[in-house]
Amino acid sequence: MPSLETWELLSYMVTVIGLPLAILTFVLEQRKERENEDEEVYQLLADNYTDFLKLVMANPDLQLRSQCAPLQMSAEQEERKRVLFEILISLFERAYLLAYDADMQGKRLRRWLSWEDYMREWCEREDFRQQLPRLLVGEDADFVAYIQQIAQRADAADGVNTSV
């Protein structure tokens, strides 16, 4: 039968080795869980953007993916385009609120940069930029400032490109 000293030695070993190991395991599991949650949020947002692009494809007469100058549109077409832009702004705001952090690094930063690319791509469209002030009414103030910066850079780049 183990003596009291043996039990005491074993308890010290558990305290010195087991407790830090348990804490480390807990911290690693928490980090992994957070990473999985971030990935799940990113995937849901990406799925929503894919659904939006399906709406764009279902409305080819609006020329939302076209690089050429837009044709004259009817009032009904203009209304559909405004609605699609409202859906897009809502999606961008949701992505900003769920995925953006000023101190991002690694995978989180790479994921966010893909959203910034989408925003930049749409802000390069003059028709989108023209409607932006109306679309941003009532949206999150930080998001508004963020996308307005992107739109201003796109507008400045467009001005440089058209004057050449």
N, C-alpha and C. Protein backbone atom coordinates (compact mmCIF):
# COMPACT_ATOMS: atom_id res chain seq x y z
N MET A 1 0.84 -1.17 0.00
CA MET A 1 0.00 0.00 0.00
C MET A 1 0.89 1.24 0.00
N PRO A 2 0.58 2.20 -0.92
CA PRO A 2 1.42 3.40 -1.01
C PRO A 2 1.35 4.21 0.29
N SER A 3 2.49 4.76 0.62
CA SER A 3 2.56 5.55 1.83
C SER A 3 2.01 6.96 1.57
N LEU A 4 1.86 7.68 2.62
CA LEU A 4 1.38 9.06 2.56
C LEU A 4 2.33 9.92 1.72
N GLU A 5 3.63 9.65 1.83
CA GLU A 5 4.61 10.41 1.06
C GLU A 5 4.44 10.14 -0.44
N THR A 6 4.11 8.93 -0.80
CA THR A 6 3.90 8.59 -2.21
C THR A 6 2.69 9.34 -2.75
N TRP A 7 1.62 9.34 -1.97
CA TRP A 7 0.41 10.07 -2.39
C TRP A 7 0.70 11.56 -2.52
N GLU A 8 1.46 12.08 -1.61
CA GLU A 8 1.81 13.49 -1.64
C GLU A 8 2.65 13.81 -2.89
N LEU A 9 3.61 12.94 -3.20
CA LEU A 9 4.44 13.12 -4.39
C LEU A 9 3.58 13.07 -5.65
N LEU A 10 2.65 12.12 -5.70
CA LEU A 10 1.76 12.01 -6.86
C LEU A 10 0.87 13.25 -7.01
N SER A 11 0.40 13.79 -5.90
CA SER A 11 -0.44 14.99 -5.98
C SER A 11 0.37 16.19 -6.48
N TYR A 12 1.63 16.26 -6.07
CA TYR A 12 2.50 17.34 -6.57
C TYR A 12 2.72 17.19 -8.07
N MET A 13 2.91 15.96 -8.50
CA MET A 13 3.14 15.71 -9.93
C MET A 13 1.90 16.12 -10.74
N VAL A 14 0.73 15.78 -10.23
CA VAL A 14 -0.50 16.17 -10.92
C VAL A 14 -0.59 17.70 -10.98
N THR A 15 -0.27 18.34 -9.89
CA THR A 15 -0.33 19.80 -9.84
C THR A 15 0.68 20.42 -10.79
N VAL A 16 1.90 19.92 -10.80
CA VAL A 16 2.97 20.51 -11.59
C VAL A 16 2.83 20.15 -13.08
N ILE A 17 2.43 18.95 -13.39
CA ILE A 17 2.37 18.52 -14.79
C ILE A 17 0.93 18.53 -15.32
N GLY A 18 0.04 17.94 -14.60
CA GLY A 18 -1.33 17.74 -15.08
C GLY A 18 -2.13 19.02 -15.22
N LEU A 19 -2.05 19.90 -14.23
CA LEU A 19 -2.83 21.13 -14.27
C LEU A 19 -2.42 22.03 -15.44
N PRO A 20 -1.11 22.31 -15.63
CA PRO A 20 -0.74 23.12 -16.80
C PRO A 20 -1.12 22.44 -18.12
N LEU A 21 -0.99 21.12 -18.17
CA LEU A 21 -1.38 20.39 -19.38
C LEU A 21 -2.88 20.53 -19.65
N ALA A 22 -3.67 20.45 -18.60
CA ALA A 22 -5.12 20.61 -18.74
C ALA A 22 -5.46 22.03 -19.20
N ILE A 23 -4.79 23.01 -18.65
CA ILE A 23 -5.03 24.41 -19.05
C ILE A 23 -4.64 24.61 -20.51
N LEU A 24 -3.49 24.09 -20.91
CA LEU A 24 -3.03 24.20 -22.29
C LEU A 24 -4.02 23.53 -23.24
N THR A 25 -4.48 22.36 -22.89
CA THR A 25 -5.46 21.64 -23.71
C THR A 25 -6.74 22.45 -23.85
N PHE A 26 -7.20 23.03 -22.75
CA PHE A 26 -8.40 23.84 -22.77
C PHE A 26 -8.23 25.05 -23.68
N VAL A 27 -7.11 25.75 -23.56
CA VAL A 27 -6.84 26.94 -24.38
C VAL A 27 -6.78 26.57 -25.86
N LEU A 28 -6.10 25.48 -26.19
CA LEU A 28 -6.01 25.04 -27.58
C LEU A 28 -7.38 24.66 -28.15
N GLU A 29 -8.20 24.01 -27.36
CA GLU A 29 -9.54 23.64 -27.80
C GLU A 29 -10.41 24.88 -28.01
N GLN A 30 -10.28 25.87 -27.14
CA GLN A 30 -11.03 27.12 -27.29
C GLN A 30 -10.63 27.83 -28.58
N ARG A 31 -9.33 27.88 -28.85
CA ARG A 31 -8.82 28.53 -30.06
C ARG A 31 -9.34 27.80 -31.30
N LYS A 32 -9.32 26.48 -31.25
CA LYS A 32 -9.81 25.68 -32.37
C LYS A 32 -11.30 25.91 -32.59
N GLU A 33 -12.05 26.00 -31.49
CA GLU A 33 -13.48 26.25 -31.58
C GLU A 33 -13.76 27.62 -32.18
N ARG A 34 -13.00 28.65 -31.76
CA ARG A 34 -13.15 29.99 -32.33
C ARG A 34 -12.84 29.98 -33.83
N GLU A 35 -11.80 29.28 -34.22
CA GLU A 35 -11.43 29.18 -35.63
C GLU A 35 -12.55 28.51 -36.43
N ASN A 36 -13.14 27.47 -35.88
CA ASN A 36 -14.25 26.79 -36.55
C ASN A 36 -15.47 27.71 -36.68
N GLU A 37 -15.74 28.50 -35.64
CA GLU A 37 -16.85 29.44 -35.69
C GLU A 37 -16.60 30.50 -36.75
N ASP A 38 -15.36 31.04 -36.81
CA ASP A 38 -15.02 32.03 -37.83
C ASP A 38 -15.19 31.44 -39.22
N GLU A 39 -14.75 30.21 -39.41
CA GLU A 39 -14.87 29.56 -40.71
C GLU A 39 -16.33 29.36 -41.08
N GLU A 40 -17.15 28.99 -40.10
CA GLU A 40 -18.57 28.79 -40.36
C GLU A 40 -19.25 30.11 -40.75
N VAL A 41 -18.93 31.18 -40.05
CA VAL A 41 -19.48 32.50 -40.39
C VAL A 41 -19.06 32.89 -41.80
N TYR A 42 -17.77 32.71 -42.09
CA TYR A 42 -17.28 33.05 -43.43
C TYR A 42 -18.01 32.25 -44.49
N GLN A 43 -18.21 30.97 -44.26
CA GLN A 43 -18.88 30.11 -45.24
C GLN A 43 -20.33 30.53 -45.44
N LEU A 44 -21.02 30.87 -44.35
CA LEU A 44 -22.41 31.33 -44.48
C LEU A 44 -22.49 32.63 -45.27
N LEU A 45 -21.58 33.55 -45.00
CA LEU A 45 -21.54 34.80 -45.74
C LEU A 45 -21.23 34.56 -47.22
N ALA A 46 -20.28 33.67 -47.48
CA ALA A 46 -19.92 33.35 -48.86
C ALA A 46 -21.12 32.73 -49.58
N ASP A 47 -21.86 31.88 -48.90
CA ASP A 47 -23.06 31.29 -49.49
C ASP A 47 -24.09 32.36 -49.81
N ASN A 48 -24.23 33.34 -48.92
CA ASN A 48 -25.16 34.45 -49.17
C ASN A 48 -24.72 35.27 -50.38
N TYR A 49 -23.41 35.47 -50.53
CA TYR A 49 -22.93 36.22 -51.69
C TYR A 49 -23.17 35.42 -52.97
N THR A 50 -22.99 34.12 -52.91
CA THR A 50 -23.29 33.27 -54.07
C THR A 50 -24.76 33.37 -54.43
N ASP A 51 -25.63 33.37 -53.43
CA ASP A 51 -27.06 33.53 -53.69
C ASP A 51 -27.35 34.88 -54.34
N PHE A 52 -26.65 35.92 -53.89
CA PHE A 52 -26.81 37.23 -54.49
C PHE A 52 -26.40 37.19 -55.97
N LEU A 53 -25.28 36.55 -56.25
CA LEU A 53 -24.82 36.46 -57.64
C LEU A 53 -25.81 35.68 -58.51
N LYS A 54 -26.50 34.73 -57.92
CA LYS A 54 -27.54 34.02 -58.66
C LYS A 54 -28.68 34.97 -59.03
N LEU A 55 -29.01 35.89 -58.12
CA LEU A 55 -30.02 36.90 -58.43
C LEU A 55 -29.54 37.81 -59.57
N VAL A 56 -28.27 38.16 -59.54
CA VAL A 56 -27.70 38.98 -60.60
C VAL A 56 -27.80 38.24 -61.93
N MET A 57 -27.46 36.96 -61.93
CA MET A 57 -27.54 36.16 -63.16
C MET A 57 -28.98 36.01 -63.65
N ALA A 58 -29.92 36.01 -62.73
CA ALA A 58 -31.33 35.89 -63.10
C ALA A 58 -31.88 37.19 -63.69
N ASN A 59 -31.09 38.26 -63.62
CA ASN A 59 -31.50 39.56 -64.15
C ASN A 59 -30.44 40.11 -65.10
N PRO A 60 -30.15 39.40 -66.18
CA PRO A 60 -29.08 39.84 -67.08
C PRO A 60 -29.36 41.18 -67.76
N ASP A 61 -30.63 41.54 -67.89
CA ASP A 61 -30.97 42.81 -68.54
C ASP A 61 -30.49 44.03 -67.75
N LEU A 62 -30.13 43.82 -66.48
CA LEU A 62 -29.64 44.93 -65.65
C LEU A 62 -28.15 45.18 -65.85
N GLN A 63 -27.48 44.27 -66.51
CA GLN A 63 -26.06 44.37 -66.84
C GLN A 63 -25.19 44.64 -65.61
N LEU A 64 -25.46 43.95 -64.53
CA LEU A 64 -24.71 44.19 -63.29
C LEU A 64 -23.32 43.56 -63.30
N ARG A 65 -23.07 42.64 -64.20
CA ARG A 65 -21.73 42.06 -64.29
C ARG A 65 -21.01 42.51 -65.56
N SER A 66 -21.63 43.39 -66.29
CA SER A 66 -21.08 43.86 -67.54
C SER A 66 -20.08 44.99 -67.30
N GLN A 67 -19.03 45.02 -68.09
CA GLN A 67 -18.03 46.08 -68.00
C GLN A 67 -18.32 47.21 -68.98
N CYS A 68 -19.27 46.99 -69.88
CA CYS A 68 -19.57 48.04 -70.87
C CYS A 68 -20.54 49.06 -70.28
N ALA A 69 -20.67 50.17 -70.98
CA ALA A 69 -21.55 51.24 -70.51
C ALA A 69 -22.99 50.73 -70.46
N PRO A 70 -23.70 51.02 -69.37
CA PRO A 70 -25.07 50.51 -69.24
C PRO A 70 -26.01 51.17 -70.25
N LEU A 71 -26.96 50.38 -70.71
CA LEU A 71 -27.97 50.88 -71.63
C LEU A 71 -29.01 51.67 -70.84
N GLN A 72 -29.83 52.40 -71.57
CA GLN A 72 -30.95 53.10 -70.95
C GLN A 72 -31.90 52.06 -70.35
N MET A 73 -32.28 52.24 -69.11
CA MET A 73 -33.14 51.26 -68.44
C MET A 73 -34.52 51.84 -68.19
N SER A 74 -35.49 50.94 -68.15
CA SER A 74 -36.86 51.34 -67.82
C SER A 74 -36.94 51.58 -66.31
N ALA A 75 -38.04 52.17 -65.88
CA ALA A 75 -38.24 52.42 -64.44
C ALA A 75 -38.26 51.10 -63.67
N GLU A 76 -38.84 50.08 -64.26
CA GLU A 76 -38.91 48.77 -63.60
C GLU A 76 -37.51 48.17 -63.46
N GLN A 77 -36.68 48.31 -64.47
CA GLN A 77 -35.31 47.81 -64.39
C GLN A 77 -34.51 48.57 -63.35
N GLU A 78 -34.68 49.88 -63.32
CA GLU A 78 -33.98 50.70 -62.32
C GLU A 78 -34.38 50.29 -60.90
N GLU A 79 -35.65 50.01 -60.72
CA GLU A 79 -36.14 49.58 -59.41
C GLU A 79 -35.53 48.24 -59.01
N ARG A 80 -35.48 47.29 -59.93
CA ARG A 80 -34.87 45.99 -59.64
C ARG A 80 -33.39 46.15 -59.30
N LYS A 81 -32.72 47.03 -60.03
CA LYS A 81 -31.30 47.25 -59.76
C LYS A 81 -31.11 47.86 -58.37
N ARG A 82 -31.96 48.82 -58.00
CA ARG A 82 -31.87 49.42 -56.65
C ARG A 82 -32.08 48.36 -55.57
N VAL A 83 -33.04 47.49 -55.79
CA VAL A 83 -33.31 46.42 -54.81
C VAL A 83 -32.10 45.50 -54.69
N LEU A 84 -31.51 45.14 -55.82
CA LEU A 84 -30.32 44.28 -55.77
C LEU A 84 -29.17 44.99 -55.06
N PHE A 85 -29.00 46.27 -55.29
CA PHE A 85 -27.96 47.02 -54.59
C PHE A 85 -28.25 47.08 -53.09
N GLU A 86 -29.52 47.18 -52.70
CA GLU A 86 -29.88 47.17 -51.27
C GLU A 86 -29.54 45.83 -50.64
N ILE A 87 -29.82 44.75 -51.35
CA ILE A 87 -29.46 43.41 -50.86
C ILE A 87 -27.95 43.31 -50.69
N LEU A 88 -27.22 43.82 -51.67
CA LEU A 88 -25.76 43.76 -51.63
C LEU A 88 -25.20 44.55 -50.46
N ILE A 89 -25.70 45.76 -50.25
CA ILE A 89 -25.23 46.58 -49.13
C ILE A 89 -25.54 45.89 -47.81
N SER A 90 -26.69 45.29 -47.71
CA SER A 90 -27.05 44.56 -46.49
C SER A 90 -26.07 43.41 -46.25
N LEU A 91 -25.73 42.71 -47.30
CA LEU A 91 -24.77 41.61 -47.20
C LEU A 91 -23.38 42.13 -46.81
N PHE A 92 -22.95 43.22 -47.44
CA PHE A 92 -21.65 43.80 -47.09
C PHE A 92 -21.61 44.26 -45.64
N GLU A 93 -22.69 44.87 -45.18
CA GLU A 93 -22.73 45.32 -43.79
C GLU A 93 -22.67 44.14 -42.83
N ARG A 94 -23.41 43.09 -43.14
CA ARG A 94 -23.39 41.89 -42.31
C ARG A 94 -21.99 41.29 -42.25
N ALA A 95 -21.33 41.24 -43.40
CA ALA A 95 -19.95 40.74 -43.45
C ALA A 95 -19.04 41.62 -42.60
N TYR A 96 -19.21 42.92 -42.70
CA TYR A 96 -18.38 43.85 -41.93
C TYR A 96 -18.60 43.63 -40.43
N LEU A 97 -19.84 43.55 -40.03
CA LEU A 97 -20.14 43.41 -38.60
C LEU A 97 -19.68 42.07 -38.03
N LEU A 98 -19.75 41.01 -38.84
CA LEU A 98 -19.40 39.68 -38.35
C LEU A 98 -17.93 39.31 -38.55
N ALA A 99 -17.30 39.87 -39.56
CA ALA A 99 -15.97 39.40 -39.92
C ALA A 99 -14.86 40.43 -39.77
N TYR A 100 -15.19 41.71 -39.75
CA TYR A 100 -14.14 42.73 -39.72
C TYR A 100 -13.66 43.00 -38.30
N ASP A 101 -12.35 43.16 -38.18
CA ASP A 101 -11.71 43.56 -36.93
C ASP A 101 -10.44 44.31 -37.33
N ALA A 102 -10.21 45.43 -36.73
CA ALA A 102 -9.05 46.25 -37.10
C ALA A 102 -7.73 45.53 -36.87
N ASP A 103 -7.69 44.58 -35.96
CA ASP A 103 -6.44 43.88 -35.62
C ASP A 103 -6.37 42.46 -36.18
N MET A 104 -6.96 42.24 -37.33
CA MET A 104 -6.98 40.89 -37.91
C MET A 104 -5.59 40.47 -38.39
N GLN A 105 -5.37 39.17 -38.34
CA GLN A 105 -4.13 38.57 -38.83
C GLN A 105 -4.45 37.20 -39.42
N GLY A 106 -3.52 36.67 -40.18
CA GLY A 106 -3.62 35.30 -40.67
C GLY A 106 -4.86 35.03 -41.49
N LYS A 107 -5.53 33.92 -41.18
CA LYS A 107 -6.70 33.49 -41.94
C LYS A 107 -7.83 34.51 -41.88
N ARG A 108 -8.04 35.09 -40.73
CA ARG A 108 -9.12 36.09 -40.61
C ARG A 108 -8.89 37.26 -41.55
N LEU A 109 -7.65 37.72 -41.63
CA LEU A 109 -7.33 38.82 -42.53
C LEU A 109 -7.53 38.41 -43.98
N ARG A 110 -7.08 37.22 -44.35
CA ARG A 110 -7.26 36.75 -45.73
C ARG A 110 -8.74 36.64 -46.07
N ARG A 111 -9.53 36.14 -45.14
CA ARG A 111 -10.97 36.03 -45.39
C ARG A 111 -11.56 37.42 -45.59
N TRP A 112 -11.19 38.35 -44.73
CA TRP A 112 -11.74 39.70 -44.83
C TRP A 112 -11.33 40.36 -46.15
N LEU A 113 -10.10 40.18 -46.57
CA LEU A 113 -9.64 40.81 -47.81
C LEU A 113 -10.45 40.35 -49.02
N SER A 114 -10.97 39.13 -48.97
CA SER A 114 -11.83 38.69 -50.07
C SER A 114 -13.12 39.52 -50.08
N TRP A 115 -13.65 39.85 -48.89
CA TRP A 115 -14.84 40.71 -48.83
C TRP A 115 -14.50 42.13 -49.29
N GLU A 116 -13.35 42.60 -48.92
CA GLU A 116 -12.95 43.94 -49.37
C GLU A 116 -12.82 43.96 -50.90
N ASP A 117 -12.33 42.88 -51.48
CA ASP A 117 -12.26 42.79 -52.94
C ASP A 117 -13.65 42.89 -53.57
N TYR A 118 -14.63 42.19 -52.99
CA TYR A 118 -16.00 42.28 -53.50
C TYR A 118 -16.50 43.72 -53.42
N MET A 119 -16.26 44.35 -52.27
CA MET A 119 -16.72 45.73 -52.10
C MET A 119 -16.06 46.66 -53.11
N ARG A 120 -14.77 46.49 -53.30
CA ARG A 120 -14.04 47.32 -54.25
C ARG A 120 -14.58 47.11 -55.66
N GLU A 121 -14.82 45.85 -56.02
CA GLU A 121 -15.34 45.55 -57.35
C GLU A 121 -16.66 46.27 -57.61
N TRP A 122 -17.55 46.24 -56.63
CA TRP A 122 -18.84 46.90 -56.82
C TRP A 122 -18.70 48.41 -56.75
N CYS A 123 -17.82 48.90 -55.92
CA CYS A 123 -17.62 50.35 -55.82
C CYS A 123 -16.97 50.92 -57.08
N GLU A 124 -16.36 50.09 -57.88
CA GLU A 124 -15.80 50.55 -59.15
C GLU A 124 -16.89 50.85 -60.17
N ARG A 125 -18.08 50.39 -59.91
CA ARG A 125 -19.22 50.69 -60.79
C ARG A 125 -19.75 52.08 -60.45
N GLU A 126 -19.81 52.94 -61.45
CA GLU A 126 -20.30 54.30 -61.22
C GLU A 126 -21.75 54.31 -60.75
N ASP A 127 -22.58 53.44 -61.33
CA ASP A 127 -23.99 53.41 -60.94
C ASP A 127 -24.16 53.00 -59.47
N PHE A 128 -23.31 52.11 -59.00
CA PHE A 128 -23.35 51.70 -57.60
C PHE A 128 -22.92 52.87 -56.70
N ARG A 129 -21.82 53.52 -57.06
CA ARG A 129 -21.33 54.66 -56.27
C ARG A 129 -22.37 55.78 -56.20
N GLN A 130 -23.07 56.01 -57.30
CA GLN A 130 -24.08 57.07 -57.31
C GLN A 130 -25.21 56.77 -56.34
N GLN A 131 -25.56 55.52 -56.18
CA GLN A 131 -26.66 55.16 -55.28
C GLN A 131 -26.20 54.95 -53.84
N LEU A 132 -24.89 54.91 -53.63
CA LEU A 132 -24.36 54.60 -52.30
C LEU A 132 -24.88 55.51 -51.19
N PRO A 133 -24.93 56.83 -51.36
CA PRO A 133 -25.43 57.67 -50.27
C PRO A 133 -26.83 57.26 -49.79
N ARG A 134 -27.72 56.96 -50.73
CA ARG A 134 -29.07 56.54 -50.36
C ARG A 134 -29.06 55.14 -49.74
N LEU A 135 -28.20 54.26 -50.26
CA LEU A 135 -28.13 52.89 -49.75
C LEU A 135 -27.59 52.82 -48.33
N LEU A 136 -26.76 53.78 -47.95
CA LEU A 136 -26.09 53.73 -46.65
C LEU A 136 -26.87 54.40 -45.52
N VAL A 137 -28.00 54.98 -45.84
CA VAL A 137 -28.81 55.61 -44.80
C VAL A 137 -29.25 54.56 -43.78
N GLY A 138 -28.95 54.81 -42.52
CA GLY A 138 -29.37 53.91 -41.45
C GLY A 138 -28.45 52.73 -41.20
N GLU A 139 -27.37 52.64 -41.95
CA GLU A 139 -26.43 51.52 -41.76
C GLU A 139 -25.45 51.85 -40.63
N ASP A 140 -24.72 50.85 -40.19
CA ASP A 140 -23.72 51.00 -39.14
C ASP A 140 -22.71 52.08 -39.53
N ALA A 141 -22.43 53.01 -38.62
CA ALA A 141 -21.57 54.16 -38.93
C ALA A 141 -20.15 53.73 -39.32
N ASP A 142 -19.59 52.75 -38.65
CA ASP A 142 -18.25 52.29 -38.99
C ASP A 142 -18.23 51.64 -40.38
N PHE A 143 -19.25 50.87 -40.67
CA PHE A 143 -19.34 50.26 -42.00
C PHE A 143 -19.48 51.33 -43.07
N VAL A 144 -20.31 52.34 -42.81
CA VAL A 144 -20.50 53.43 -43.77
C VAL A 144 -19.17 54.10 -44.08
N ALA A 145 -18.39 54.41 -43.04
CA ALA A 145 -17.09 55.06 -43.24
C ALA A 145 -16.16 54.15 -44.04
N TYR A 146 -16.20 52.87 -43.74
CA TYR A 146 -15.32 51.91 -44.41
C TYR A 146 -15.62 51.82 -45.89
N ILE A 147 -16.88 51.62 -46.24
CA ILE A 147 -17.22 51.45 -47.66
C ILE A 147 -17.13 52.77 -48.41
N GLN A 148 -17.36 53.89 -47.74
CA GLN A 148 -17.19 55.18 -48.40
C GLN A 148 -15.73 55.41 -48.77
N GLN A 149 -14.82 54.96 -47.92
CA GLN A 149 -13.39 55.05 -48.26
C GLN A 149 -13.08 54.25 -49.52
N ILE A 150 -13.61 53.06 -49.58
CA ILE A 150 -13.39 52.21 -50.75
C ILE A 150 -13.97 52.89 -51.99
N ALA A 151 -15.18 53.44 -51.86
CA ALA A 151 -15.83 54.11 -52.99
C ALA A 151 -15.05 55.35 -53.43
N GLN A 152 -14.52 56.10 -52.48
CA GLN A 152 -13.74 57.29 -52.83
C GLN A 152 -12.47 56.91 -53.59
N ARG A 153 -11.81 55.85 -53.16
CA ARG A 153 -10.61 55.39 -53.88
C ARG A 153 -10.98 54.93 -55.29
N ALA A 154 -12.11 54.21 -55.41
CA ALA A 154 -12.55 53.75 -56.73
C ALA A 154 -12.93 54.94 -57.61
N ASP A 155 -13.57 55.93 -57.04
CA ASP A 155 -13.97 57.12 -57.78
C ASP A 155 -12.73 57.88 -58.27
N ALA A 156 -11.74 58.00 -57.40
CA ALA A 156 -10.49 58.68 -57.77
C ALA A 156 -9.78 57.91 -58.87
N ALA A 157 -9.73 56.59 -58.75
CA ALA A 157 -9.10 55.75 -59.78
C ALA A 157 -9.86 55.85 -61.09
N ASP A 158 -11.19 55.92 -61.02
CA ASP A 158 -12.02 56.04 -62.22
C ASP A 158 -11.76 57.38 -62.89
N GLY A 159 -11.60 58.42 -62.10
CA GLY A 159 -11.29 59.74 -62.66
C GLY A 159 -9.94 59.74 -63.36
N VAL A 160 -8.97 59.04 -62.80
CA VAL A 160 -7.65 58.94 -63.42
C VAL A 160 -7.75 58.15 -64.71
N ASN A 161 -8.51 57.05 -64.69
CA ASN A 161 -8.63 56.18 -65.87
C ASN A 161 -9.38 56.87 -67.01
N THR A 162 -10.38 57.69 -66.70
CA THR A 162 -11.17 58.31 -67.77
C THR A 162 -10.48 59.52 -68.36
N SER A 163 -9.54 60.11 -67.65
CA SER A 163 -8.87 61.30 -68.18
C SER A 163 -7.69 60.95 -69.05
N VAL A 164 -7.29 59.70 -69.12
CA VAL A 164 -6.14 59.30 -69.93
C VAL A 164 -6.49 59.23 -71.38
